[in-house]
Amino acid sequence: MIDHTGLSQESRFIDIGCGLGKPSLHVAQQVGVELAFGLEVEPLRVYLGMHNLRAVLEAAMLDSRNGTNSGEKLRVKVCFFALGDITEVTSLDPFTHVYMFDTG
């Protein structure tokens, strides 16, 4: 995505049907996008996405405390998961990048 879409630290990324949140977590950490937002219609998947985000944050904090962060610092600015239906959305503003793994 970085090479083909201009994804950068100024990007605002939405993953429609985010499931467990992996794409949002990757762009938040690897790119350090301004905003990574995952929208999911299934409540359990939103919960699991938030669980994954918490695990990423806890691992990064533990690495930094133990000095084992290998020179990488936590890049997450804002990563958010929400329960919702994309068919009820009237605008994709302020997002600069829209991602969907599959069509529903």
PDB file of N, CA and C in Angstrom:
ATOM      1  N   MET A   1       0.830  -1.201   0.000  1.00  0.00           N
ATOM      2  CA  MET A   1       0.000   0.000   0.000  1.00  0.00           C
ATOM      3  C   MET A   1       0.864   1.251   0.000  1.00  0.00           C
ATOM      4  N   ILE A   2       1.970   1.186   0.721  1.00  0.00           N
ATOM      5  CA  ILE A   2       2.832   2.362   0.798  1.00  0.00           C
ATOM      6  C   ILE A   2       3.335   2.739  -0.590  1.00  0.00           C
ATOM      7  N   ASP A   3       3.808   1.760  -1.348  1.00  0.00           N
ATOM      8  CA  ASP A   3       4.382   2.017  -2.669  1.00  0.00           C
ATOM      9  C   ASP A   3       3.354   2.461  -3.701  1.00  0.00           C
ATOM     10  N   HIS A   4       2.124   1.976  -3.600  1.00  0.00           N
ATOM     11  CA  HIS A   4       1.146   2.200  -4.662  1.00  0.00           C
ATOM     12  C   HIS A   4       0.061   3.228  -4.353  1.00  0.00           C
ATOM     13  N   THR A   5      -0.058   3.647  -3.114  1.00  0.00           N
ATOM     14  CA  THR A   5      -1.173   4.551  -2.777  1.00  0.00           C
ATOM     15  C   THR A   5      -0.749   5.853  -2.113  1.00  0.00           C
ATOM     16  N   GLY A   6       0.517   6.046  -1.886  1.00  0.00           N
ATOM     17  CA  GLY A   6       0.963   7.270  -1.231  1.00  0.00           C
ATOM     18  C   GLY A   6       0.640   7.313   0.253  1.00  0.00           C
ATOM     19  N   LEU A   7       0.459   6.164   0.860  1.00  0.00           N
ATOM     20  CA  LEU A   7       0.176   6.090   2.296  1.00  0.00           C
ATOM     21  C   LEU A   7       1.359   6.673   3.060  1.00  0.00           C
ATOM     22  N   SER A   8       1.073   7.615   3.959  1.00  0.00           N
ATOM     23  CA  SER A   8       2.145   8.304   4.685  1.00  0.00           C
ATOM     24  C   SER A   8       1.695   8.663   6.093  1.00  0.00           C
ATOM     25  N   GLN A   9       2.539   9.354   6.815  1.00  0.00           N
ATOM     26  CA  GLN A   9       2.211   9.771   8.174  1.00  0.00           C
ATOM     27  C   GLN A   9       1.082  10.800   8.207  1.00  0.00           C
ATOM     28  N   GLU A  10       0.773  11.416   7.085  1.00  0.00           N
ATOM     29  CA  GLU A  10      -0.332  12.374   7.026  1.00  0.00           C
ATOM     30  C   GLU A  10      -1.653  11.710   6.624  1.00  0.00           C
ATOM     31  N   SER A  11      -1.618  10.420   6.311  1.00  0.00           N
ATOM     32  CA  SER A  11      -2.805   9.704   5.828  1.00  0.00           C
ATOM     33  C   SER A  11      -3.798   9.443   6.954  1.00  0.00           C
ATOM     34  N   ARG A  12      -5.056   9.400   6.569  1.00  0.00           N
ATOM     35  CA  ARG A  12      -6.159   9.019   7.457  1.00  0.00           C
ATOM     36  C   ARG A  12      -6.821   7.806   6.807  1.00  0.00           C
ATOM     37  N   PHE A  13      -6.674   6.650   7.421  1.00  0.00           N
ATOM     38  CA  PHE A  13      -6.968   5.339   6.851  1.00  0.00           C
ATOM     39  C   PHE A  13      -8.223   4.757   7.489  1.00  0.00           C
ATOM     40  N   ILE A  14      -9.134   4.254   6.658  1.00  0.00           N
ATOM     41  CA  ILE A  14     -10.296   3.530   7.169  1.00  0.00           C
ATOM     42  C   ILE A  14     -10.318   2.140   6.551  1.00  0.00           C
ATOM     43  N   ASP A  15     -10.550   1.155   7.400  1.00  0.00           N
ATOM     44  CA  ASP A  15     -10.719  -0.235   6.970  1.00  0.00           C
ATOM     45  C   ASP A  15     -12.184  -0.583   7.177  1.00  0.00           C
ATOM     46  N   ILE A  16     -12.892  -0.747   6.066  1.00  0.00           N
ATOM     47  CA  ILE A  16     -14.320  -1.067   6.122  1.00  0.00           C
ATOM     48  C   ILE A  16     -14.473  -2.577   6.243  1.00  0.00           C
ATOM     49  N   GLY A  17     -15.133  -3.007   7.309  1.00  0.00           N
ATOM     50  CA  GLY A  17     -15.226  -4.433   7.612  1.00  0.00           C
ATOM     51  C   GLY A  17     -13.904  -4.902   8.199  1.00  0.00           C
ATOM     52  N   CYS A  18     -13.447  -4.205   9.224  1.00  0.00           N
ATOM     53  CA  CYS A  18     -12.082  -4.378   9.732  1.00  0.00           C
ATOM     54  C   CYS A  18     -11.807  -5.716  10.393  1.00  0.00           C
ATOM     55  N   GLY A  19     -12.844  -6.469  10.713  1.00  0.00           N
ATOM     56  CA  GLY A  19     -12.605  -7.759  11.347  1.00  0.00           C
ATOM     57  C   GLY A  19     -11.807  -7.602  12.629  1.00  0.00           C
ATOM     58  N   LEU A  20     -10.647  -8.250  12.692  1.00  0.00           N
ATOM     59  CA  LEU A  20      -9.819  -8.220  13.893  1.00  0.00           C
ATOM     60  C   LEU A  20      -8.853  -7.038  13.905  1.00  0.00           C
ATOM     61  N   GLY A  21      -8.880  -6.212  12.861  1.00  0.00           N
ATOM     62  CA  GLY A  21      -8.144  -4.960  12.870  1.00  0.00           C
ATOM     63  C   GLY A  21      -6.716  -4.995  12.377  1.00  0.00           C
ATOM     64  N   LYS A  22      -6.286  -6.083  11.755  1.00  0.00           N
ATOM     65  CA  LYS A  22      -4.878  -6.201  11.374  1.00  0.00           C
ATOM     66  C   LYS A  22      -4.411  -5.103  10.410  1.00  0.00           C
ATOM     67  N   PRO A  23      -5.130  -4.791   9.324  1.00  0.00           N
ATOM     68  CA  PRO A  23      -4.648  -3.713   8.443  1.00  0.00           C
ATOM     69  C   PRO A  23      -4.511  -2.371   9.171  1.00  0.00           C
ATOM     70  N   SER A  24      -5.468  -2.045  10.020  1.00  0.00           N
ATOM     71  CA  SER A  24      -5.393  -0.787  10.774  1.00  0.00           C
ATOM     72  C   SER A  24      -4.178  -0.773  11.694  1.00  0.00           C
ATOM     73  N   LEU A  25      -3.928  -1.884  12.360  1.00  0.00           N
ATOM     74  CA  LEU A  25      -2.778  -1.969  13.246  1.00  0.00           C
ATOM     75  C   LEU A  25      -1.463  -1.853  12.469  1.00  0.00           C
ATOM     76  N   HIS A  26      -1.415  -2.479  11.309  1.00  0.00           N
ATOM     77  CA  HIS A  26      -0.188  -2.412  10.497  1.00  0.00           C
ATOM     78  C   HIS A  26       0.101  -0.998  10.015  1.00  0.00           C
ATOM     79  N   VAL A  27      -0.902  -0.300   9.495  1.00  0.00           N
ATOM     80  CA  VAL A  27      -0.629   1.062   9.001  1.00  0.00           C
ATOM     81  C   VAL A  27      -0.370   2.027  10.156  1.00  0.00           C
ATOM     82  N   ALA A  28      -0.966   1.754  11.304  1.00  0.00           N
ATOM     83  CA  ALA A  28      -0.713   2.603  12.470  1.00  0.00           C
ATOM     84  C   ALA A  28       0.727   2.446  12.944  1.00  0.00           C
ATOM     85  N   GLN A  29       1.215   1.211  12.979  1.00  0.00           N
ATOM     86  CA  GLN A  29       2.544   0.970  13.510  1.00  0.00           C
ATOM     87  C   GLN A  29       3.637   1.120  12.447  1.00  0.00           C
ATOM     88  N   GLN A  30       3.463   0.531  11.289  1.00  0.00           N
ATOM     89  CA  GLN A  30       4.536   0.550  10.295  1.00  0.00           C
ATOM     90  C   GLN A  30       4.680   1.897   9.608  1.00  0.00           C
ATOM     91  N   VAL A  31       3.561   2.562   9.349  1.00  0.00           N
ATOM     92  CA  VAL A  31       3.596   3.843   8.649  1.00  0.00           C
ATOM     93  C   VAL A  31       3.502   5.005   9.624  1.00  0.00           C
ATOM     94  N   GLY A  32       2.754   4.818  10.688  1.00  0.00           N
ATOM     95  CA  GLY A  32       2.517   5.909  11.633  1.00  0.00           C
ATOM     96  C   GLY A  32       1.511   6.903  11.090  1.00  0.00           C
ATOM     97  N   VAL A  33       0.446   6.379  10.434  1.00  0.00           N
ATOM     98  CA  VAL A  33      -0.569   7.261   9.850  1.00  0.00           C
ATOM     99  C   VAL A  33      -1.188   8.155  10.924  1.00  0.00           C
ATOM    100  N   GLU A  34      -1.728   9.268  10.486  1.00  0.00           N
ATOM    101  CA  GLU A  34      -2.370  10.213  11.403  1.00  0.00           C
ATOM    102  C   GLU A  34      -3.550   9.560  12.126  1.00  0.00           C
ATOM    103  N   LEU A  35      -4.324   8.744  11.385  1.00  0.00           N
ATOM    104  CA  LEU A  35      -5.496   8.079  11.945  1.00  0.00           C
ATOM    105  C   LEU A  35      -5.677   6.733  11.266  1.00  0.00           C
ATOM    106  N   ALA A  36      -5.851   5.682  12.063  1.00  0.00           N
ATOM    107  CA  ALA A  36      -6.217   4.360  11.564  1.00  0.00           C
ATOM    108  C   ALA A  36      -7.555   4.013  12.207  1.00  0.00           C
ATOM    109  N   PHE A  37      -8.574   3.827  11.379  1.00  0.00           N
ATOM    110  CA  PHE A  37      -9.933   3.628  11.871  1.00  0.00           C
ATOM    111  C   PHE A  37     -10.496   2.347  11.266  1.00  0.00           C
ATOM    112  N   GLY A  38     -10.957   1.458  12.110  1.00  0.00           N
ATOM    113  CA  GLY A  38     -11.575   0.221  11.643  1.00  0.00           C
ATOM    114  C   GLY A  38     -13.065   0.241  11.949  1.00  0.00           C
ATOM    115  N   LEU A  39     -13.882  -0.042  10.947  1.00  0.00           N
ATOM    116  CA  LEU A  39     -15.338  -0.084  11.110  1.00  0.00           C
ATOM    117  C   LEU A  39     -15.804  -1.512  10.850  1.00  0.00           C
ATOM    118  N   GLU A  40     -16.558  -2.058  11.792  1.00  0.00           N
ATOM    119  CA  GLU A  40     -17.004  -3.449  11.699  1.00  0.00           C
ATOM    120  C   GLU A  40     -18.441  -3.556  12.187  1.00  0.00           C
ATOM    121  N   VAL A  41     -19.229  -4.389  11.506  1.00  0.00           N
ATOM    122  CA  VAL A  41     -20.640  -4.562  11.838  1.00  0.00           C
ATOM    123  C   VAL A  41     -20.861  -5.658  12.900  1.00  0.00           C
ATOM    124  N   GLU A  42     -19.874  -6.518  13.101  1.00  0.00           N
ATOM    125  CA  GLU A  42     -20.002  -7.633  14.034  1.00  0.00           C
ATOM    126  C   GLU A  42     -19.376  -7.265  15.388  1.00  0.00           C
ATOM    127  N   PRO A  43     -20.186  -7.195  16.453  1.00  0.00           N
ATOM    128  CA  PRO A  43     -19.678  -6.769  17.763  1.00  0.00           C
ATOM    129  C   PRO A  43     -18.479  -7.563  18.284  1.00  0.00           C
ATOM    130  N   LEU A  44     -18.487  -8.877  18.134  1.00  0.00           N
ATOM    131  CA  LEU A  44     -17.379  -9.682  18.644  1.00  0.00           C
ATOM    132  C   LEU A  44     -16.069  -9.324  17.943  1.00  0.00           C
ATOM    133  N   ARG A  45     -16.136  -9.059  16.656  1.00  0.00           N
ATOM    134  CA  ARG A  45     -14.917  -8.699  15.912  1.00  0.00           C
ATOM    135  C   ARG A  45     -14.370  -7.339  16.359  1.00  0.00           C
ATOM    136  N   VAL A  46     -15.258  -6.404  16.666  1.00  0.00           N
ATOM    137  CA  VAL A  46     -14.800  -5.108  17.186  1.00  0.00           C
ATOM    138  C   VAL A  46     -14.080  -5.325  18.517  1.00  0.00           C
ATOM    139  N   TYR A  47     -14.656  -6.135  19.367  1.00  0.00           N
ATOM    140  CA  TYR A  47     -14.035  -6.439  20.652  1.00  0.00           C
ATOM    141  C   TYR A  47     -12.662  -7.076  20.458  1.00  0.00           C
ATOM    142  N   LEU A  48     -12.563  -8.031  19.540  1.00  0.00           N
ATOM    143  CA  LEU A  48     -11.287  -8.699  19.296  1.00  0.00           C
ATOM    144  C   LEU A  48     -10.267  -7.736  18.690  1.00  0.00           C
ATOM    145  N   GLY A  49     -10.719  -6.813  17.852  1.00  0.00           N
ATOM    146  CA  GLY A  49      -9.820  -5.789  17.317  1.00  0.00           C
ATOM    147  C   GLY A  49      -9.254  -4.908  18.425  1.00  0.00           C
ATOM    148  N   MET A  50     -10.102  -4.520  19.357  1.00  0.00           N
ATOM    149  CA  MET A  50      -9.633  -3.712  20.493  1.00  0.00           C
ATOM    150  C   MET A  50      -8.684  -4.515  21.378  1.00  0.00           C
ATOM    151  N   HIS A  51      -8.965  -5.813  21.517  1.00  0.00           N
ATOM    152  CA  HIS A  51      -8.071  -6.690  22.262  1.00  0.00           C
ATOM    153  C   HIS A  51      -6.699  -6.741  21.592  1.00  0.00           C
ATOM    154  N   ASN A  52      -6.676  -6.852  20.257  1.00  0.00           N
ATOM    155  CA  ASN A  52      -5.412  -6.885  19.521  1.00  0.00           C
ATOM    156  C   ASN A  52      -4.654  -5.563  19.669  1.00  0.00           C
ATOM    157  N   LEU A  53      -5.361  -4.447  19.609  1.00  0.00           N
ATOM    158  CA  LEU A  53      -4.727  -3.146  19.793  1.00  0.00           C
ATOM    159  C   LEU A  53      -4.091  -3.061  21.180  1.00  0.00           C
ATOM    160  N   ARG A  54      -4.809  -3.493  22.173  1.00  0.00           N
ATOM    161  CA  ARG A  54      -4.268  -3.468  23.535  1.00  0.00           C
ATOM    162  C   ARG A  54      -3.015  -4.332  23.637  1.00  0.00           C
ATOM    163  N   ALA A  55      -3.024  -5.498  22.997  1.00  0.00           N
ATOM    164  CA  ALA A  55      -1.860  -6.379  23.027  1.00  0.00           C
ATOM    165  C   ALA A  55      -0.649  -5.726  22.358  1.00  0.00           C
ATOM    166  N   VAL A  56      -0.865  -5.030  21.248  1.00  0.00           N
ATOM    167  CA  VAL A  56       0.221  -4.325  20.557  1.00  0.00           C
ATOM    168  C   VAL A  56       0.797  -3.243  21.455  1.00  0.00           C
ATOM    169  N   LEU A  57      -0.073  -2.461  22.071  1.00  0.00           N
ATOM    170  CA  LEU A  57       0.383  -1.383  22.945  1.00  0.00           C
ATOM    171  C   LEU A  57       1.124  -1.923  24.165  1.00  0.00           C
ATOM    172  N   GLU A  58       0.598  -2.985  24.772  1.00  0.00           N
ATOM    173  CA  GLU A  58       1.261  -3.566  25.941  1.00  0.00           C
ATOM    174  C   GLU A  58       2.630  -4.137  25.584  1.00  0.00           C
ATOM    175  N   ALA A  59       2.732  -4.803  24.433  1.00  0.00           N
ATOM    176  CA  ALA A  59       4.016  -5.363  24.011  1.00  0.00           C
ATOM    177  C   ALA A  59       5.032  -4.260  23.759  1.00  0.00           C
ATOM    178  N   ALA A  60       4.591  -3.171  23.141  1.00  0.00           N
ATOM    179  CA  ALA A  60       5.493  -2.052  22.872  1.00  0.00           C
ATOM    180  C   ALA A  60       5.958  -1.409  24.175  1.00  0.00           C
ATOM    181  N   MET A  61       5.049  -1.268  25.127  1.00  0.00           N
ATOM    182  CA  MET A  61       5.433  -0.678  26.420  1.00  0.00           C
ATOM    183  C   MET A  61       6.407  -1.594  27.153  1.00  0.00           C
ATOM    184  N   LEU A  62       6.162  -2.895  27.114  1.00  0.00           N
ATOM    185  CA  LEU A  62       7.051  -3.855  27.768  1.00  0.00           C
ATOM    186  C   LEU A  62       8.425  -3.830  27.119  1.00  0.00           C
ATOM    187  N   ASP A  63       8.474  -3.794  25.786  1.00  0.00           N
ATOM    188  CA  ASP A  63       9.753  -3.726  25.072  1.00  0.00           C
ATOM    189  C   ASP A  63      10.528  -2.478  25.460  1.00  0.00           C
ATOM    190  N   SER A  64       9.829  -1.351  25.549  1.00  0.00           N
ATOM    191  CA  SER A  64      10.533  -0.104  25.867  1.00  0.00           C
ATOM    192  C   SER A  64      11.050  -0.115  27.301  1.00  0.00           C
ATOM    193  N   ARG A  65      10.302  -0.734  28.207  1.00  0.00           N
ATOM    194  CA  ARG A  65      10.749  -0.828  29.603  1.00  0.00           C
ATOM    195  C   ARG A  65      11.964  -1.741  29.743  1.00  0.00           C
ATOM    196  N   ASN A  66      11.978  -2.819  28.950  1.00  0.00           N
ATOM    197  CA  ASN A  66      13.065  -3.798  29.037  1.00  0.00           C
ATOM    198  C   ASN A  66      14.242  -3.452  28.138  1.00  0.00           C
ATOM    199  N   GLY A  67      14.118  -2.391  27.377  1.00  0.00           N
ATOM    200  CA  GLY A  67      15.199  -2.008  26.476  1.00  0.00           C
ATOM    201  C   GLY A  67      15.364  -2.949  25.305  1.00  0.00           C
ATOM    202  N   THR A  68      14.297  -3.690  24.948  1.00  0.00           N
ATOM    203  CA  THR A  68      14.388  -4.663  23.852  1.00  0.00           C
ATOM    204  C   THR A  68      13.591  -4.228  22.641  1.00  0.00           C
ATOM    205  N   ASN A  69      13.426  -2.949  22.479  1.00  0.00           N
ATOM    206  CA  ASN A  69      12.596  -2.430  21.397  1.00  0.00           C
ATOM    207  C   ASN A  69      13.333  -2.394  20.062  1.00  0.00           C
ATOM    208  N   SER A  70      14.575  -2.818  20.014  1.00  0.00           N
ATOM    209  CA  SER A  70      15.369  -2.909  18.786  1.00  0.00           C
ATOM    210  C   SER A  70      15.421  -1.601  18.018  1.00  0.00           C
ATOM    211  N   GLY A  71      15.377  -0.494  18.712  1.00  0.00           N
ATOM    212  CA  GLY A  71      15.486   0.794  18.044  1.00  0.00           C
ATOM    213  C   GLY A  71      14.199   1.303  17.433  1.00  0.00           C
ATOM    214  N   GLU A  72      13.155   0.488  17.407  1.00  0.00           N
ATOM    215  CA  GLU A  72      11.876   0.936  16.864  1.00  0.00           C
ATOM    216  C   GLU A  72      11.060   1.567  17.970  1.00  0.00           C
ATOM    217  N   LYS A  73      10.379   2.660  17.631  1.00  0.00           N
ATOM    218  CA  LYS A  73       9.516   3.258  18.638  1.00  0.00           C
ATOM    219  C   LYS A  73       8.064   3.108  18.203  1.00  0.00           C
ATOM    220  N   LEU A  74       7.198   3.175  19.161  1.00  0.00           N
ATOM    221  CA  LEU A  74       5.780   3.049  18.907  1.00  0.00           C
ATOM    222  C   LEU A  74       5.325   4.223  18.051  1.00  0.00           C
ATOM    223  N   ARG A  75       4.700   3.940  16.914  1.00  0.00           N
ATOM    224  CA  ARG A  75       4.302   4.988  15.981  1.00  0.00           C
ATOM    225  C   ARG A  75       2.807   5.286  16.024  1.00  0.00           C
ATOM    226  N   VAL A  76       2.047   4.516  16.746  1.00  0.00           N
ATOM    227  CA  VAL A  76       0.601   4.669  16.759  1.00  0.00           C
ATOM    228  C   VAL A  76       0.234   6.070  17.241  1.00  0.00           C
ATOM    229  N   LYS A  77      -0.455   6.830  16.413  1.00  0.00           N
ATOM    230  CA  LYS A  77      -0.962   8.144  16.829  1.00  0.00           C
ATOM    231  C   LYS A  77      -2.384   7.959  17.319  1.00  0.00           C
ATOM    232  N   VAL A  78      -3.273   7.552  16.411  1.00  0.00           N
ATOM    233  CA  VAL A  78      -4.657   7.257  16.776  1.00  0.00           C
ATOM    234  C   VAL A  78      -5.083   6.012  16.015  1.00  0.00           C
ATOM    235  N   CYS A  79      -5.485   4.996  16.757  1.00  0.00           N
ATOM    236  CA  CYS A  79      -6.024   3.771  16.162  1.00  0.00           C
ATOM    237  C   CYS A  79      -7.319   3.485  16.901  1.00  0.00           C
ATOM    238  N   PHE A  80      -8.399   3.371  16.147  1.00  0.00           N
ATOM    239  CA  PHE A  80      -9.729   3.314  16.741  1.00  0.00           C
ATOM    240  C   PHE A  80     -10.541   2.252  16.030  1.00  0.00           C
ATOM    241  N   PHE A  81     -11.311   1.475  16.779  1.00  0.00           N
ATOM    242  CA  PHE A  81     -12.224   0.484  16.205  1.00  0.00           C
ATOM    243  C   PHE A  81     -13.643   0.822  16.639  1.00  0.00           C
ATOM    244  N   ALA A  82     -14.567   0.760  15.695  1.00  0.00           N
ATOM    245  CA  ALA A  82     -15.949   1.126  15.996  1.00  0.00           C
ATOM    246  C   ALA A  82     -16.913   0.094  15.434  1.00  0.00           C
ATOM    247  N   LEU A  83     -17.994  -0.079  16.144  1.00  0.00           N
ATOM    248  CA  LEU A  83     -19.097  -0.912  15.694  1.00  0.00           C
ATOM    249  C   LEU A  83     -20.010  -0.047  14.834  1.00  0.00           C
ATOM    250  N   GLY A  84     -20.238  -0.467  13.603  1.00  0.00           N
ATOM    251  CA  GLY A  84     -21.101   0.313  12.728  1.00  0.00           C
ATOM    252  C   GLY A  84     -21.280  -0.343  11.375  1.00  0.00           C
ATOM    253  N   ASP A  85     -22.240   0.178  10.636  1.00  0.00           N
ATOM    254  CA  ASP A  85     -22.598  -0.327   9.319  1.00  0.00           C
ATOM    255  C   ASP A  85     -22.234   0.723   8.275  1.00  0.00           C
ATOM    256  N   ILE A  86     -21.368   0.387   7.351  1.00  0.00           N
ATOM    257  CA  ILE A  86     -20.906   1.340   6.348  1.00  0.00           C
ATOM    258  C   ILE A  86     -22.056   1.847   5.474  1.00  0.00           C
ATOM    259  N   THR A  87     -23.127   1.088   5.352  1.00  0.00           N
ATOM    260  CA  THR A  87     -24.246   1.543   4.521  1.00  0.00           C
ATOM    261  C   THR A  87     -24.972   2.729   5.141  1.00  0.00           C
ATOM    262  N   GLU A  88     -24.704   3.013   6.409  1.00  0.00           N
ATOM    263  CA  GLU A  88     -25.322   4.160   7.072  1.00  0.00           C
ATOM    264  C   GLU A  88     -24.439   5.413   7.033  1.00  0.00           C
ATOM    265  N   VAL A  89     -23.257   5.287   6.447  1.00  0.00           N
ATOM    266  CA  VAL A  89     -22.314   6.404   6.362  1.00  0.00           C
ATOM    267  C   VAL A  89     -22.655   7.266   5.152  1.00  0.00           C
ATOM    268  N   THR A  90     -22.676   8.576   5.330  1.00  0.00           N
ATOM    269  CA  THR A  90     -23.003   9.485   4.228  1.00  0.00           C
ATOM    270  C   THR A  90     -21.769  10.118   3.594  1.00  0.00           C
ATOM    271  N   SER A  91     -20.612  10.007   4.260  1.00  0.00           N
ATOM    272  CA  SER A  91     -19.386  10.591   3.724  1.00  0.00           C
ATOM    273  C   SER A  91     -18.184   9.840   4.269  1.00  0.00           C
ATOM    274  N   LEU A  92     -17.133   9.755   3.486  1.00  0.00           N
ATOM    275  CA  LEU A  92     -15.881   9.164   3.954  1.00  0.00           C
ATOM    276  C   LEU A  92     -14.858  10.234   4.340  1.00  0.00           C
ATOM    277  N   ASP A  93     -15.316  11.471   4.414  1.00  0.00           N
ATOM    278  CA  ASP A  93     -14.473  12.555   4.885  1.00  0.00           C
ATOM    279  C   ASP A  93     -14.264  12.344   6.386  1.00  0.00           C
ATOM    280  N   PRO A  94     -13.117  12.375   6.913  1.00  0.00           N
ATOM    281  CA  PRO A  94     -11.859  12.975   6.486  1.00  0.00           C
ATOM    282  C   PRO A  94     -10.834  11.968   5.965  1.00  0.00           C
ATOM    283  N   PHE A  95     -11.242  10.759   5.591  1.00  0.00           N
ATOM    284  CA  PHE A  95     -10.284   9.714   5.238  1.00  0.00           C
ATOM    285  C   PHE A  95      -9.645   9.961   3.878  1.00  0.00           C
ATOM    286  N   THR A  96      -8.352   9.691   3.809  1.00  0.00           N
ATOM    287  CA  THR A  96      -7.607   9.825   2.558  1.00  0.00           C
ATOM    288  C   THR A  96      -7.399   8.481   1.888  1.00  0.00           C
ATOM    289  N   HIS A  97      -7.515   7.392   2.659  1.00  0.00           N
ATOM    290  CA  HIS A  97      -7.313   6.040   2.149  1.00  0.00           C
ATOM    291  C   HIS A  97      -8.418   5.123   2.664  1.00  0.00           C
ATOM    292  N   VAL A  98      -9.082   4.427   1.748  1.00  0.00           N
ATOM    293  CA  VAL A  98     -10.169   3.515   2.088  1.00  0.00           C
ATOM    294  C   VAL A  98      -9.725   2.105   1.701  1.00  0.00           C
ATOM    295  N   TYR A  99      -9.873   1.179   2.641  1.00  0.00           N
ATOM    296  CA  TYR A  99      -9.441  -0.215   2.425  1.00  0.00           C
ATOM    297  C   TYR A  99     -10.589  -1.159   2.738  1.00  0.00           C
ATOM    298  N   MET A 100     -10.751  -2.162   1.867  1.00  0.00           N
ATOM    299  CA  MET A 100     -11.665  -3.290   2.120  1.00  0.00           C
ATOM    300  C   MET A 100     -10.993  -4.540   1.599  1.00  0.00           C
ATOM    301  N   PHE A 101     -10.946  -5.570   2.422  1.00  0.00           N
ATOM    302  CA  PHE A 101     -10.319  -6.819   1.989  1.00  0.00           C
ATOM    303  C   PHE A 101     -11.210  -7.564   1.007  1.00  0.00           C
ATOM    304  N   ASP A 102     -12.507  -7.512   1.221  1.00  0.00           N
ATOM    305  CA  ASP A 102     -13.450  -8.268   0.416  1.00  0.00           C
ATOM    306  C   ASP A 102     -14.755  -7.493   0.358  1.00  0.00           C
ATOM    307  N   THR A 103     -15.568  -7.802  -0.614  1.00  0.00           N
ATOM    308  CA  THR A 103     -16.879  -7.175  -0.675  1.00  0.00           C
ATOM    309  C   THR A 103     -17.891  -8.032   0.065  1.00  0.00           C
ATOM    310  N   GLY A 104     -18.851  -7.373   0.716  1.00  0.00           N
ATOM    311  CA  GLY A 104     -19.855  -8.094   1.492  1.00  0.00           C
ATOM    312  C   GLY A 104     -21.011  -8.539   0.628  1.00  0.00           C
TER     313      GLY A 104
END
